[in-house]
Amino acid sequence: MQYINKTMLNLPTSVEEITEETKRAFKAFDLQKKLEQATLAVSCSDLSAIQAIQLPSECTDFKEGCKGRDMEGAVTLDWRVDPFTSMSDLTLLVYDGSGSGGVPYYVHTLTLVHGGRKSGFVAEQMKLQQSGKRSHNNCAGDYKIEIYVPPLAAKHIPEFLDYVYGRELKITTSNAPPLRYLANRFDLRDLYKDISTKFIPVDLEIGTAPMYCTLADQLKDFELRDRAIKVMAERMDKLNINSVKNLSPRLMRSLVQCEKLECSSEELSEKVAIWLRLHRELEQARDEALKGDYNGMDESRNASASSMRKDDNETMTDEDFYWITHVQFMPKIAPSEALFYFKFGSQYPQVMNEVGSGSLKSRCLAAFSGKWAVDKLAAHVENKDAKPFDLYENLDLESKVELLEASLVGAKKMLTEKDEASKQQDVKDKDAKRSDEIMYKTNYESSSSSSPADKIMKVVVMGCGVQPANGIYIYKESGIDERTSSGGNLINNNTIVYEKEAIWNQKRVTFVLYPTTAGQYYSQHKLAIRQSNSQQTKTLYNSPTVMGLSGVIPELAWEVEGEMEGIHPPPQFVGKIEQPPAKSWNKSLTHSV
């Protein structure tokens, strides 16, 4: 007898394995019967019947969308295989506006209308077709749906259909905007929610905002585009301008004009200048590439290439340049970029021919009249070989004359300002010297008492911006019946007040340090000025509010009163230097905060 090798026949080796194989076979057979019974009477053109199918409990995973793909013995629908083999009953024709015709995708109504990731848009379209013109039963190519989407979204249709058919979807910065668009267009609410409320809020930040802005604009997703622009505007001072080089002039205008823009005028002018250079390089590269395409194309394709060039790359117009450099957003031009704007703007005569102090030309000339530009131009004129200045040398003669005139006016202005500042400093020095003489005399007179009990309390003020206010203040028991500029309470008579006679702005004044009450338990000190011919005081500085008696003077953390200018900084230290030995209020005259 000839023996047959069991392994060659791949037969089970035990009774238990035979039993298990038999069970699985019957189970698959039983499941197939149940599916046939559930779908036997259903026509491919009967949408309501498809939606009413009650799948067997064993098919729950399949109904949910993806887990059932690996179910043993199950038939898996796939839009990627041959439509005849997969028994496709729906053609999805996608147009992207390129004029090359729609791209067909052969899909299945069971998946797109009844699956766990079904499309509300497809279901609605099929209902309309069914009610309007479908009255016969035909499975093969029974339905056709045409849809128009932007080119960027059309590129992600395969990835989107893979998700609908149950495959895992990996969301990234580059595919989130088009997938969000498709989820909204096809009415897949769960996918739209996951991308819009879970992924994008975490992923959208200063580094990814430029890509979101560009992609969303291509998709006409204005809500996402504006969110990305806002993120960039709020961090404009930290934005790497190379990351926005692909922004169109229209988007750059929106960024510069955003109400959330956080950037100084000169810094903004520097960033915009860098973007203008990068944008010009990109335009030149595209023109070279397009020129090469023309040389390799026949005449019929040149026309389409030309139209595509205009759609894909927005050329900057005079209006774009005007708003990107508008005086409202860029009142001052950085001196280092003034000559660049002057030269670059020659391409946009409507902008550069404007007159007035707010025109770009005037702002460039004003910036070029500053110290940096004047020094650079003077060094170049003095020695052109050692100090080259190509931007200046490449200008036409008329422009050179304008810049030289601006530099001459700027130099004269700087000399005038220097002389004025020198005069003001001389006045301040004289005021300080005379104030010190008065302070030393008053201090000597107050210290000449022979009795220690008669020594006068003194407080020293140091580090404030009003130089004559620094120095020694002498105690004076006096009533100041004046309200503070902030509306504080009246100061009672016999209040502990410290005064210092001085000269400020060539006038005799008295600086006064006195307490006010702030509520029932708090007090605050003020340092004010009083003219020699008036009893009214004007507060310059305020101490922090402290709990306790008005005699406690905070040493640190003083602040300037309101929005007053020219008196910064506030006192850096206020403290006692001498006090009498026997007074009822002689407990604590100073207090650190």
Protein backbone atom coordinates (compact mmCIF):
# COMPACT_ATOMS: atom_id res chain seq x y z
CA MET A 1 0.00 0.00 0.00
CA GLN A 2 1.22 3.40 -0.85
CA TYR A 3 1.10 5.90 2.04
CA ILE A 4 0.21 9.58 1.48
CA ASN A 5 2.05 12.28 3.39
CA LYS A 6 -0.47 14.28 5.50
CA THR A 7 1.62 17.39 5.46
CA MET A 8 1.53 17.50 1.66
CA LEU A 9 -2.28 17.55 1.76
CA ASN A 10 -2.32 20.02 4.64
CA LEU A 11 -4.81 17.85 6.56
CA PRO A 12 -5.59 18.34 10.24
CA THR A 13 -3.47 16.15 12.45
CA SER A 14 -5.99 15.53 15.21
CA VAL A 15 -9.67 15.07 15.87
CA GLU A 16 -9.80 18.39 17.78
CA GLU A 17 -8.45 20.32 14.80
CA ILE A 18 -10.94 18.61 12.47
CA THR A 19 -13.76 19.65 14.79
CA GLU A 20 -12.62 23.27 14.91
CA GLU A 21 -12.24 23.47 11.14
CA THR A 22 -15.73 22.09 10.71
CA LYS A 23 -17.18 24.64 13.14
CA ARG A 24 -15.53 27.55 11.33
CA ALA A 25 -16.76 26.31 7.97
CA PHE A 26 -20.35 26.03 9.18
CA LYS A 27 -20.13 29.40 10.89
CA ALA A 28 -18.97 31.13 7.70
CA PHE A 29 -21.65 29.31 5.71
CA ASP A 30 -24.32 30.34 8.21
CA LEU A 31 -23.15 33.99 8.15
CA GLN A 32 -23.24 34.02 4.35
CA LYS A 33 -26.83 32.72 4.40
CA LYS A 34 -27.87 35.41 6.85
CA LEU A 35 -26.32 38.14 4.68
CA GLU A 36 -28.06 36.76 1.60
CA GLN A 37 -31.41 36.71 3.42
CA ALA A 38 -30.90 40.30 4.60
CA THR A 39 -30.04 41.65 1.14
CA LEU A 40 -31.76 39.25 -1.27
CA ALA A 41 -34.80 41.41 -1.94
CA VAL A 42 -32.85 44.70 -2.11
CA SER A 43 -32.26 46.46 -5.40
CA CYS A 44 -29.11 48.54 -5.88
CA SER A 45 -31.32 51.44 -6.94
CA ASP A 46 -33.57 51.27 -3.89
CA LEU A 47 -31.84 53.60 -1.41
CA SER A 48 -34.54 53.37 1.25
CA ALA A 49 -34.24 49.60 1.24
CA ILE A 50 -30.46 49.81 1.56
CA GLN A 51 -30.77 52.09 4.58
CA ALA A 52 -33.33 49.73 6.14
CA ILE A 53 -31.08 46.64 5.95
CA GLN A 54 -30.70 44.98 9.34
CA LEU A 55 -27.33 43.30 9.30
CA PRO A 56 -26.85 40.14 11.39
CA SER A 57 -25.33 40.66 14.82
CA GLU A 58 -22.17 38.87 13.64
CA CYS A 59 -21.63 41.76 11.20
CA THR A 60 -21.67 44.52 13.81
CA ASP A 61 -18.02 45.30 13.28
CA PHE A 62 -18.55 45.63 9.55
CA LYS A 63 -21.41 48.02 10.12
CA GLU A 64 -19.20 50.19 12.33
CA GLY A 65 -16.79 50.75 9.48
CA CYS A 66 -13.40 49.13 9.79
CA LYS A 67 -12.92 46.37 12.38
CA GLY A 68 -14.75 43.78 10.30
CA ARG A 69 -12.27 44.00 7.46
CA ASP A 70 -10.31 41.09 8.86
CA MET A 71 -13.34 38.95 9.63
CA GLU A 72 -12.71 35.46 8.31
CA GLY A 73 -14.87 34.61 5.32
CA ALA A 74 -16.22 38.18 4.93
CA VAL A 75 -16.25 40.00 1.60
CA THR A 76 -14.43 43.34 1.79
CA LEU A 77 -15.54 46.21 -0.45
CA ASP A 78 -12.73 48.23 -1.97
CA TRP A 79 -13.02 51.22 -4.29
CA ARG A 80 -9.46 50.75 -5.56
CA VAL A 81 -10.06 47.41 -7.35
CA ASP A 82 -11.67 46.90 -10.75
CA PRO A 83 -15.28 48.25 -10.59
CA PHE A 84 -16.69 45.12 -12.25
CA THR A 85 -14.90 42.86 -9.78
CA SER A 86 -15.98 44.94 -6.77
CA MET A 87 -19.53 45.29 -8.17
CA SER A 88 -19.42 49.08 -7.87
CA ASP A 89 -22.87 50.64 -8.19
CA LEU A 90 -21.96 54.33 -7.88
CA THR A 91 -19.61 56.53 -9.91
CA LEU A 92 -18.26 59.58 -8.10
CA LEU A 93 -17.05 62.06 -10.72
CA VAL A 94 -14.72 64.68 -9.19
CA TYR A 95 -13.92 67.93 -11.01
CA ASP A 96 -11.08 70.19 -9.82
CA GLY A 97 -11.58 73.10 -12.23
CA SER A 98 -8.50 72.32 -14.30
CA GLY A 99 -10.56 71.81 -17.45
CA SER A 100 -9.21 68.31 -17.99
CA GLY A 101 -12.48 66.57 -17.16
CA GLY A 102 -13.67 64.80 -14.04
CA VAL A 103 -11.85 61.92 -12.36
CA PRO A 104 -14.15 58.91 -11.80
CA TYR A 105 -14.10 56.92 -8.58
CA TYR A 106 -16.10 53.66 -8.59
CA VAL A 107 -17.55 53.30 -5.12
CA HIS A 108 -20.38 51.49 -3.35
CA THR A 109 -23.65 52.83 -2.04
CA LEU A 110 -23.58 50.34 0.82
CA THR A 111 -20.42 51.99 2.19
CA LEU A 112 -21.02 55.65 1.38
CA VAL A 113 -24.69 55.69 2.33
CA HIS A 114 -25.07 53.01 4.99
CA GLY A 115 -21.58 52.42 6.43
CA GLY A 116 -20.28 53.59 9.77
CA ARG A 117 -18.60 56.52 8.01
CA LYS A 118 -21.41 57.33 5.63
CA SER A 119 -21.69 60.58 3.68
CA GLY A 120 -24.72 62.76 4.19
CA PHE A 121 -24.01 64.51 0.89
CA VAL A 122 -23.97 61.26 -1.13
CA ALA A 123 -27.14 60.03 0.58
CA GLU A 124 -28.95 63.27 -0.25
CA GLN A 125 -27.79 63.21 -3.87
CA MET A 126 -28.97 59.63 -4.31
CA LYS A 127 -32.34 60.45 -2.85
CA LEU A 128 -32.73 63.26 -5.36
CA GLN A 129 -31.75 61.02 -8.25
CA GLN A 130 -34.06 58.25 -7.03
CA SER A 131 -37.08 60.50 -6.69
CA GLY A 132 -36.40 62.32 -9.95
CA LYS A 133 -35.57 59.79 -12.60
CA ARG A 134 -34.81 56.31 -11.21
CA SER A 135 -37.72 53.89 -11.68
CA HIS A 136 -35.97 50.75 -12.90
CA ASN A 137 -33.69 48.25 -11.20
CA ASN A 138 -30.13 48.13 -12.47
CA CYS A 139 -27.06 47.44 -10.37
CA ALA A 140 -24.28 48.17 -12.84
CA GLY A 141 -23.40 51.87 -12.85
CA ASP A 142 -26.84 52.84 -11.69
CA TYR A 143 -25.82 56.08 -10.01
CA LYS A 144 -23.48 58.91 -10.90
CA ILE A 145 -22.70 61.88 -8.68
CA GLU A 146 -20.71 64.87 -9.94
CA ILE A 147 -18.91 67.11 -7.47
CA TYR A 148 -16.65 70.14 -7.90
CA VAL A 149 -13.85 70.71 -5.38
CA PRO A 150 -10.63 72.82 -5.34
CA PRO A 151 -7.53 71.16 -6.84
CA LEU A 152 -5.94 70.73 -3.40
CA ALA A 153 -9.00 68.88 -2.09
CA ALA A 154 -9.19 66.74 -5.24
CA LYS A 155 -5.68 65.44 -4.58
CA HIS A 156 -6.82 64.04 -1.22
CA ILE A 157 -9.95 62.27 -2.48
CA PRO A 158 -8.21 58.82 -2.48
CA GLU A 159 -7.06 59.32 1.12
CA PHE A 160 -10.55 60.47 2.05
CA LEU A 161 -12.22 57.43 0.42
CA ASP A 162 -9.77 55.11 2.18
CA TYR A 163 -11.00 56.55 5.46
CA VAL A 164 -14.66 56.08 4.45
CA TYR A 165 -13.92 52.45 3.57
CA GLY A 166 -12.49 51.81 7.01
CA ARG A 167 -8.77 52.42 6.80
CA GLU A 168 -6.92 54.29 9.53
CA LEU A 169 -6.38 57.99 8.81
CA LYS A 170 -3.20 59.79 9.85
CA ILE A 171 -3.90 63.52 10.17
CA THR A 172 -1.01 65.95 9.66
CA THR A 173 -0.56 69.68 9.21
CA SER A 174 -0.46 69.31 5.43
CA ASN A 175 -3.59 67.15 5.03
CA ALA A 176 -5.76 68.53 7.86
CA PRO A 177 -7.15 71.51 5.84
CA PRO A 178 -8.12 69.50 2.70
CA LEU A 179 -9.55 66.62 4.75
CA ARG A 180 -11.50 69.11 6.85
CA TYR A 181 -12.84 70.60 3.61
CA LEU A 182 -13.83 67.19 2.23
CA ALA A 183 -15.42 66.14 5.53
CA ASN A 184 -17.54 69.29 5.42
CA ARG A 185 -18.31 68.94 1.70
CA PHE A 186 -19.37 65.29 1.97
CA ASP A 187 -21.02 65.81 5.36
CA LEU A 188 -18.93 63.43 7.48
CA ARG A 189 -19.55 65.17 10.76
CA ASP A 190 -17.45 62.96 13.00
CA LEU A 191 -14.36 63.44 10.85
CA TYR A 192 -14.97 67.17 10.59
CA LYS A 193 -15.33 67.41 14.37
CA ASP A 194 -12.17 65.39 15.05
CA ILE A 195 -10.08 67.59 12.75
CA SER A 196 -11.63 70.94 13.74
CA THR A 197 -11.92 70.53 17.51
CA LYS A 198 -9.21 68.03 18.40
CA PHE A 199 -6.32 68.17 15.94
CA ILE A 200 -6.15 71.75 14.63
CA PRO A 201 -6.46 73.56 18.02
CA VAL A 202 -3.41 71.61 19.22
CA ASP A 203 -1.42 71.74 15.98
CA LEU A 204 -2.07 75.36 14.96
CA GLU A 205 0.77 77.49 16.35
CA ILE A 206 3.34 80.02 15.14
CA GLY A 207 5.37 77.39 13.27
CA THR A 208 2.44 75.77 11.41
CA ALA A 209 0.22 78.85 10.95
CA PRO A 210 1.78 79.89 7.58
CA MET A 211 1.01 76.46 6.05
CA TYR A 212 -2.54 76.48 7.46
CA CYS A 213 -3.05 79.97 6.06
CA THR A 214 -1.86 79.07 2.56
CA LEU A 215 -3.75 75.76 2.34
CA ALA A 216 -6.97 77.15 3.81
CA ASP A 217 -6.87 80.03 1.33
CA GLN A 218 -6.57 77.59 -1.58
CA LEU A 219 -9.62 75.77 -0.23
CA LYS A 220 -11.52 79.02 0.43
CA ASP A 221 -11.81 77.94 4.07
CA PHE A 222 -11.87 81.53 5.30
CA GLU A 223 -12.57 80.68 8.94
CA LEU A 224 -9.41 78.55 9.21
CA ARG A 225 -7.40 81.04 7.15
CA ASP A 226 -8.32 83.94 9.45
CA ARG A 227 -7.49 81.87 12.54
CA ALA A 228 -4.02 81.19 11.13
CA ILE A 229 -3.50 84.87 10.27
CA LYS A 230 -4.49 85.85 13.82
CA VAL A 231 -1.93 83.42 15.29
CA MET A 232 0.82 84.90 13.09
CA ALA A 233 -0.21 88.50 13.83
CA GLU A 234 -0.21 87.98 17.60
CA ARG A 235 3.35 86.61 17.43
CA MET A 236 4.61 88.72 14.53
CA ASP A 237 7.66 89.83 16.48
CA LYS A 238 8.65 86.16 16.91
CA LEU A 239 7.65 85.01 13.42
CA ASN A 240 10.38 83.62 11.17
CA ILE A 241 9.68 85.55 7.98
CA ASN A 242 11.10 82.74 5.82
CA SER A 243 8.12 80.62 6.84
CA VAL A 244 5.70 83.05 5.17
CA LYS A 245 7.58 83.51 1.90
CA ASN A 246 4.86 81.54 0.08
CA LEU A 247 2.10 83.86 1.23
CA SER A 248 0.49 85.68 -1.68
CA PRO A 249 0.47 89.51 -1.64
CA ARG A 250 -3.23 89.36 -0.76
CA LEU A 251 -2.56 87.20 2.31
CA MET A 252 0.40 89.36 3.32
CA ARG A 253 -1.91 92.36 3.21
CA SER A 254 -4.34 90.57 5.53
CA LEU A 255 -1.50 89.76 7.93
CA VAL A 256 -0.18 93.33 8.06
CA GLN A 257 -3.69 94.75 8.45
CA CYS A 258 -4.78 92.29 11.15
CA GLU A 259 -6.08 94.08 14.23
CA LYS A 260 -4.18 91.62 16.44
CA LEU A 261 -0.79 92.58 14.98
CA GLU A 262 1.89 92.82 17.68
CA CYS A 263 5.01 94.36 16.17
CA SER A 264 6.76 97.74 16.25
CA SER A 265 6.71 99.82 13.09
CA GLU A 266 10.43 99.60 12.31
CA GLU A 267 10.56 95.87 13.03
CA LEU A 268 7.53 95.35 10.79
CA SER A 269 9.25 97.28 8.00
CA GLU A 270 12.26 94.96 8.32
CA LYS A 271 10.12 91.82 8.15
CA VAL A 272 8.10 93.07 5.21
CA ALA A 273 11.31 94.00 3.36
CA ILE A 274 12.61 90.45 3.79
CA TRP A 275 9.28 89.05 2.52
CA LEU A 276 9.41 91.36 -0.52
CA ARG A 277 12.85 90.05 -1.41
CA LEU A 278 11.80 86.42 -0.98
CA HIS A 279 8.60 86.96 -2.96
CA ARG A 280 10.58 88.57 -5.78
CA GLU A 281 12.95 85.59 -5.89
CA LEU A 282 10.00 83.17 -6.05
CA GLU A 283 8.43 85.15 -8.89
CA GLN A 284 11.69 85.12 -10.82
CA ALA A 285 12.06 81.36 -10.29
CA ARG A 286 8.49 80.75 -11.48
CA ASP A 287 9.05 82.94 -14.53
CA GLU A 288 12.19 80.98 -15.43
CA ALA A 289 10.34 77.68 -14.99
CA LEU A 290 7.44 78.93 -17.06
CA LYS A 291 9.83 80.11 -19.78
CA GLY A 292 11.30 76.62 -19.92
CA ASP A 293 7.81 75.14 -20.14
CA TYR A 294 6.96 77.40 -23.05
CA ASN A 295 10.04 76.28 -24.93
CA GLY A 296 9.05 72.65 -24.49
CA MET A 297 5.34 73.02 -25.31
CA ASP A 298 3.41 73.31 -28.49
CA GLU A 299 1.36 76.44 -29.14
CA SER A 300 -1.91 74.95 -27.91
CA ARG A 301 -0.45 74.18 -24.49
CA ASN A 302 1.20 77.56 -24.08
CA ALA A 303 -2.17 79.27 -23.65
CA SER A 304 -3.22 76.95 -20.83
CA ALA A 305 0.18 77.32 -19.17
CA SER A 306 -0.17 81.10 -19.29
CA SER A 307 -3.60 81.02 -17.68
CA MET A 308 -2.37 78.56 -15.06
CA ARG A 309 0.50 80.92 -14.24
CA LYS A 310 -1.90 83.75 -13.50
CA ASP A 311 -4.06 81.56 -11.25
CA ASP A 312 -1.25 79.95 -9.30
CA ASN A 313 0.85 83.03 -8.64
CA GLU A 314 -0.65 86.38 -7.70
CA THR A 315 1.55 89.17 -9.03
CA MET A 316 1.81 92.07 -6.64
CA THR A 317 0.01 95.19 -7.81
CA ASP A 318 0.39 98.84 -6.86
CA GLU A 319 -2.61 98.42 -4.55
CA ASP A 320 -1.00 95.44 -2.79
CA PHE A 321 2.26 97.31 -2.28
CA TYR A 322 0.39 100.39 -1.08
CA TRP A 323 -1.49 98.53 1.67
CA ILE A 324 1.43 96.33 2.72
CA THR A 325 3.48 99.50 3.37
CA HIS A 326 0.62 101.74 4.49
CA VAL A 327 1.46 104.51 6.96
CA GLN A 328 -1.27 103.30 9.34
CA PHE A 329 0.62 100.07 9.99
CA MET A 330 4.17 101.22 9.19
CA PRO A 331 4.52 104.90 10.21
CA LYS A 332 8.29 104.55 10.56
CA ILE A 333 10.69 102.78 8.23
CA ALA A 334 13.80 101.15 9.67
CA PRO A 335 16.85 103.20 8.52
CA SER A 336 18.57 100.00 7.37
CA GLU A 337 15.68 99.26 4.94
CA ALA A 338 14.83 102.79 3.81
CA LEU A 339 16.99 102.60 0.69
CA PHE A 340 15.56 99.17 -0.23
CA TYR A 341 11.98 100.50 -0.12
CA PHE A 342 13.08 103.56 -2.08
CA LYS A 343 14.57 101.37 -4.82
CA PHE A 344 11.96 98.59 -4.76
CA GLY A 345 9.10 101.10 -4.83
CA SER A 346 10.26 102.40 -8.22
CA GLN A 347 8.37 99.42 -9.70
CA TYR A 348 5.14 100.88 -8.32
CA PRO A 349 5.02 104.52 -9.50
CA GLN A 350 1.47 105.09 -8.27
CA VAL A 351 2.69 104.50 -4.73
CA MET A 352 6.01 106.32 -4.94
CA ASN A 353 4.54 109.39 -6.69
CA GLU A 354 2.29 110.16 -3.73
CA VAL A 355 3.05 113.34 -1.81
CA GLY A 356 2.70 114.24 1.84
CA SER A 357 4.43 113.28 5.07
CA GLY A 358 2.62 109.93 5.17
CA SER A 359 3.70 108.79 1.72
CA LEU A 360 6.16 105.93 1.46
CA LYS A 361 8.71 108.13 -0.27
CA SER A 362 8.59 110.72 2.52
CA ARG A 363 8.94 108.02 5.17
CA CYS A 364 11.94 106.53 3.37
CA LEU A 365 13.63 109.94 3.11
CA ALA A 366 12.90 110.64 6.78
CA ALA A 367 14.43 107.31 7.78
CA PHE A 368 17.44 107.94 5.55
CA SER A 369 18.04 111.27 7.27
CA GLY A 370 18.74 109.53 10.58
CA LYS A 371 22.14 109.01 12.16
CA TRP A 372 22.64 105.44 10.90
CA ALA A 373 21.98 106.32 7.26
CA VAL A 374 23.86 109.61 7.37
CA ASP A 375 26.95 107.95 8.86
CA LYS A 376 26.81 105.11 6.31
CA LEU A 377 26.40 107.46 3.36
CA ALA A 378 29.13 109.81 4.61
CA ALA A 379 31.53 106.90 5.04
CA HIS A 380 30.76 105.70 1.50
CA VAL A 381 31.20 109.12 -0.09
CA GLU A 382 34.48 109.59 1.76
CA ASN A 383 35.91 106.23 0.65
CA LYS A 384 33.82 104.33 -1.91
CA ASP A 385 36.26 101.45 -2.25
CA ALA A 386 36.48 100.73 1.48
CA LYS A 387 32.80 101.38 2.20
CA PRO A 388 30.75 100.11 -0.80
CA PHE A 389 27.08 101.07 -0.92
CA ASP A 390 25.58 99.28 -3.94
CA LEU A 391 21.96 100.17 -3.22
CA TYR A 392 22.85 103.85 -3.37
CA GLU A 393 25.14 103.58 -6.40
CA ASN A 394 22.50 101.71 -8.42
CA LEU A 395 20.00 104.54 -8.07
CA ASP A 396 19.36 107.06 -10.80
CA LEU A 397 20.84 110.53 -10.47
CA GLU A 398 17.58 112.18 -9.39
CA SER A 399 17.10 109.68 -6.57
CA LYS A 400 20.68 110.19 -5.40
CA VAL A 401 20.11 113.93 -5.19
CA GLU A 402 16.94 113.43 -3.15
CA LEU A 403 18.76 111.17 -0.71
CA LEU A 404 21.70 113.55 -0.38
CA GLU A 405 19.31 116.42 0.33
CA ALA A 406 17.51 114.32 2.95
CA SER A 407 20.83 113.39 4.55
CA LEU A 408 21.89 117.05 4.64
CA VAL A 409 18.62 118.08 6.29
CA GLY A 410 18.95 115.18 8.70
CA ALA A 411 22.50 116.16 9.65
CA LYS A 412 21.41 119.73 10.33
CA LYS A 413 18.49 118.48 12.41
CA MET A 414 20.77 116.23 14.45
CA LEU A 415 23.14 119.12 15.16
CA THR A 416 20.22 121.31 16.25
CA GLU A 417 18.86 118.58 18.51
CA LYS A 418 22.30 118.02 19.96
CA ASP A 419 22.69 121.71 20.76
CA GLU A 420 19.20 121.82 22.30
CA ALA A 421 19.90 118.75 24.41
CA SER A 422 23.18 120.27 25.55
CA LYS A 423 21.40 123.45 26.62
CA GLN A 424 18.74 121.49 28.48
CA GLN A 425 21.40 119.45 30.24
CA ASP A 426 23.20 122.64 31.27
CA VAL A 427 19.94 123.94 32.78
CA LYS A 428 19.40 120.64 34.63
CA ASP A 429 22.95 120.68 35.95
CA LYS A 430 22.58 124.25 37.16
CA ASP A 431 19.24 123.43 38.82
CA ALA A 432 20.78 120.42 40.55
CA LYS A 433 23.78 122.42 41.71
CA ARG A 434 21.68 125.23 43.13
CA SER A 435 19.29 122.70 44.72
CA ASP A 436 22.20 120.97 46.42
CA GLU A 437 23.45 124.31 47.76
CA ILE A 438 20.00 125.05 49.21
CA MET A 439 19.75 121.54 50.68
CA TYR A 440 23.20 121.69 52.30
CA LYS A 441 22.41 125.09 53.83
CA THR A 442 19.04 123.95 55.18
CA ASN A 443 20.51 120.74 56.53
CA TYR A 444 23.34 122.60 58.24
CA GLU A 445 20.94 125.02 59.89
CA SER A 446 18.69 122.20 61.10
CA SER A 447 21.66 120.25 62.49
CA SER A 448 23.25 123.17 64.35
CA SER A 449 20.96 122.80 67.36
CA SER A 450 22.89 122.11 70.58
CA SER A 451 20.12 120.04 72.16
CA PRO A 452 19.67 116.43 70.88
CA ALA A 453 15.96 116.62 71.72
CA ASP A 454 15.54 119.42 69.22
CA LYS A 455 17.06 117.55 66.33
CA ILE A 456 14.77 117.50 63.32
CA MET A 457 13.61 114.33 61.61
CA LYS A 458 14.95 113.83 58.11
CA VAL A 459 14.18 111.58 55.17
CA VAL A 460 16.37 110.91 52.16
CA VAL A 461 15.00 110.37 48.63
CA MET A 462 17.24 108.68 46.07
CA GLY A 463 17.10 107.66 42.40
CA CYS A 464 14.05 109.52 41.07
CA GLY A 465 13.94 110.98 37.57
CA VAL A 466 13.50 114.60 38.76
CA GLN A 467 17.05 115.21 39.87
CA PRO A 468 16.38 118.19 42.22
CA ALA A 469 13.85 116.00 44.09
CA ASN A 470 16.65 113.71 45.27
CA GLY A 471 18.28 114.50 48.58
CA ILE A 472 17.42 115.26 52.20
CA TYR A 473 13.89 116.26 53.25
CA ILE A 474 13.38 118.12 56.56
CA TYR A 475 10.43 117.40 58.85
CA LYS A 476 7.86 120.18 59.06
CA GLU A 477 4.76 120.00 61.23
CA SER A 478 2.23 121.57 58.93
CA GLY A 479 -1.27 121.13 57.55
CA ILE A 480 -1.70 120.63 53.82
CA ASP A 481 -5.35 121.14 53.07
CA GLU A 482 -5.12 119.90 49.51
CA ARG A 483 -6.72 116.95 47.75
CA THR A 484 -4.43 114.62 45.86
CA SER A 485 -4.71 114.48 42.08
CA SER A 486 -6.22 111.00 42.41
CA GLY A 487 -8.99 112.25 44.71
CA GLY A 488 -7.60 110.98 48.02
CA ASN A 489 -8.74 112.14 51.45
CA LEU A 490 -7.78 115.52 52.91
CA ILE A 491 -4.64 115.60 54.98
CA ASN A 492 -5.31 116.76 58.51
CA ASN A 493 -3.46 119.47 60.29
CA ASN A 494 -0.36 118.52 62.31
CA THR A 495 0.49 115.84 59.76
CA ILE A 496 4.09 114.64 59.55
CA VAL A 497 5.31 116.36 56.39
CA TYR A 498 8.81 116.50 54.90
CA GLU A 499 9.93 119.29 52.62
CA LYS A 500 12.92 120.11 50.42
CA GLU A 501 13.57 123.51 48.87
CA ALA A 502 15.04 123.28 45.36
CA ILE A 503 15.32 124.78 41.87
CA TRP A 504 13.50 122.99 39.02
CA ASN A 505 13.19 124.32 35.48
CA GLN A 506 14.90 127.48 36.72
CA LYS A 507 12.14 128.13 39.24
CA ARG A 508 12.13 128.01 43.02
CA VAL A 509 9.96 125.10 44.17
CA THR A 510 9.31 122.95 47.23
CA PHE A 511 9.16 119.17 47.05
CA VAL A 512 6.77 117.77 49.66
CA LEU A 513 6.58 114.23 51.08
CA TYR A 514 3.34 113.60 52.95
CA PRO A 515 0.87 110.82 53.87
CA THR A 516 -2.74 110.30 52.85
CA THR A 517 -5.31 107.85 54.10
CA ALA A 518 -6.64 105.07 51.85
CA GLY A 519 -9.68 103.73 53.64
CA GLN A 520 -9.92 103.17 57.36
CA TYR A 521 -6.82 101.04 57.88
CA TYR A 522 -4.47 101.89 55.02
CA SER A 523 -2.15 104.79 54.26
CA GLN A 524 -0.08 105.95 51.31
CA HIS A 525 2.68 108.53 50.89
CA LYS A 526 3.02 110.97 48.03
CA LEU A 527 5.90 113.04 46.74
CA ALA A 528 4.57 116.27 45.25
CA ILE A 529 5.82 119.65 44.06
CA ARG A 530 4.62 123.08 45.15
CA GLN A 531 5.48 126.33 43.43
CA SER A 532 6.96 129.03 45.66
CA ASN A 533 4.05 131.40 44.95
CA SER A 534 1.28 128.83 45.44
CA GLN A 535 -0.04 126.47 48.09
CA GLN A 536 -1.32 123.92 45.59
CA THR A 537 0.61 120.73 45.17
CA LYS A 538 1.03 118.47 42.16
CA THR A 539 1.75 114.81 42.84
CA LEU A 540 4.74 113.30 41.06
CA TYR A 541 5.19 109.89 42.73
CA ASN A 542 3.15 107.50 44.89
CA SER A 543 4.28 104.93 47.43
CA PRO A 544 2.63 101.51 47.72
CA THR A 545 -0.37 101.32 50.05
CA VAL A 546 0.45 99.87 53.48
CA MET A 547 -1.54 98.90 56.53
CA GLY A 548 -0.83 100.93 59.61
CA LEU A 549 -0.16 104.48 60.76
CA SER A 550 0.55 107.28 58.32
CA GLY A 551 4.01 107.71 59.82
CA VAL A 552 5.23 104.48 58.19
CA ILE A 553 7.03 105.43 54.97
CA PRO A 554 7.57 102.62 52.42
CA GLU A 555 11.16 102.51 51.24
CA LEU A 556 10.73 100.74 47.89
CA ALA A 557 8.23 100.10 45.06
CA TRP A 558 7.27 103.72 44.41
CA GLU A 559 5.46 104.53 41.16
CA VAL A 560 5.03 107.52 38.86
CA GLU A 561 1.71 109.33 39.19
CA GLY A 562 -0.62 108.51 36.28
CA GLU A 563 0.79 108.94 32.77
CA MET A 564 3.15 111.82 33.54
CA GLU A 565 6.16 112.01 31.25
CA GLY A 566 9.68 113.28 31.82
CA ILE A 567 9.86 112.28 35.49
CA HIS A 568 10.78 108.60 35.21
CA PRO A 569 12.02 106.67 37.07
CA PRO A 570 10.24 106.88 40.45
CA PRO A 571 12.29 107.02 43.64
CA GLN A 572 14.39 103.92 44.12
CA PHE A 573 14.72 104.42 47.88
CA VAL A 574 13.01 106.56 50.52
CA GLY A 575 14.20 106.25 54.15
CA LYS A 576 14.87 108.10 57.38
CA ILE A 577 18.30 109.29 58.34
CA GLU A 578 17.64 111.02 61.68
CA GLN A 579 14.84 111.38 64.26
CA PRO A 580 14.34 112.99 67.70
CA PRO A 581 14.63 110.79 70.82
CA ALA A 582 11.41 111.77 72.58
CA LYS A 583 8.18 112.09 70.62
CA SER A 584 4.91 110.21 70.96
CA TRP A 585 4.98 109.21 67.29
CA ASN A 586 8.64 108.22 67.38
CA LYS A 587 8.20 104.46 66.92
CA SER A 588 8.78 103.59 63.30
CA LEU A 589 9.29 106.20 60.64
CA THR A 590 10.26 103.88 57.84
CA HIS A 591 9.05 100.54 56.64
CA SER A 592 10.44 98.22 53.97
CA VAL A 593 7.99 96.92 51.38
